[in-house]
Amino acid sequence: MSAAQDDDTRDGVWEPRFAPVAQIIPPNV
């Protein structure tokens, strides 16, 4: 799942299921 998170953060777009992760990881990453 971490791979999916990396892909989402890299793209700068978070999906609803990644909402908790989005709050922890800033879009600057």
Protein backbone atom coordinates (compact mmCIF):
# COMPACT_ATOMS: atom_id res chain seq x y z
CA MET A 1 0.00 0.00 0.00
CA SER A 2 2.98 2.26 0.60
CA ALA A 3 3.75 2.05 -3.11
CA ALA A 4 0.29 3.39 -3.89
CA GLN A 5 0.80 6.17 -1.35
CA ASP A 6 4.09 7.14 -3.00
CA ASP A 7 2.40 7.27 -6.39
CA ASP A 8 -0.42 9.42 -5.01
CA THR A 9 1.86 11.87 -3.21
CA ARG A 10 4.15 12.13 -6.21
CA ASP A 11 1.18 12.99 -8.41
CA GLY A 12 0.01 15.50 -5.82
CA VAL A 13 -3.48 13.99 -5.84
CA TRP A 14 -4.89 12.04 -2.92
CA GLU A 15 -7.84 9.69 -3.04
CA PRO A 16 -10.44 9.52 -0.22
CA ARG A 17 -8.90 6.30 1.12
CA PHE A 18 -5.60 8.16 1.49
CA ALA A 19 -7.19 11.01 3.45
CA PRO A 20 -5.48 10.05 6.77
CA VAL A 21 -2.16 9.79 4.95
CA ALA A 22 -2.69 13.15 3.27
CA GLN A 23 -3.01 14.78 6.68
CA ILE A 24 0.31 13.26 7.77
CA ILE A 25 2.27 13.78 4.54
CA PRO A 26 2.34 17.35 3.20
CA PRO A 27 1.97 17.91 -0.59
CA ASN A 28 5.55 19.22 -0.60
CA VAL A 29 6.88 15.67 -0.29
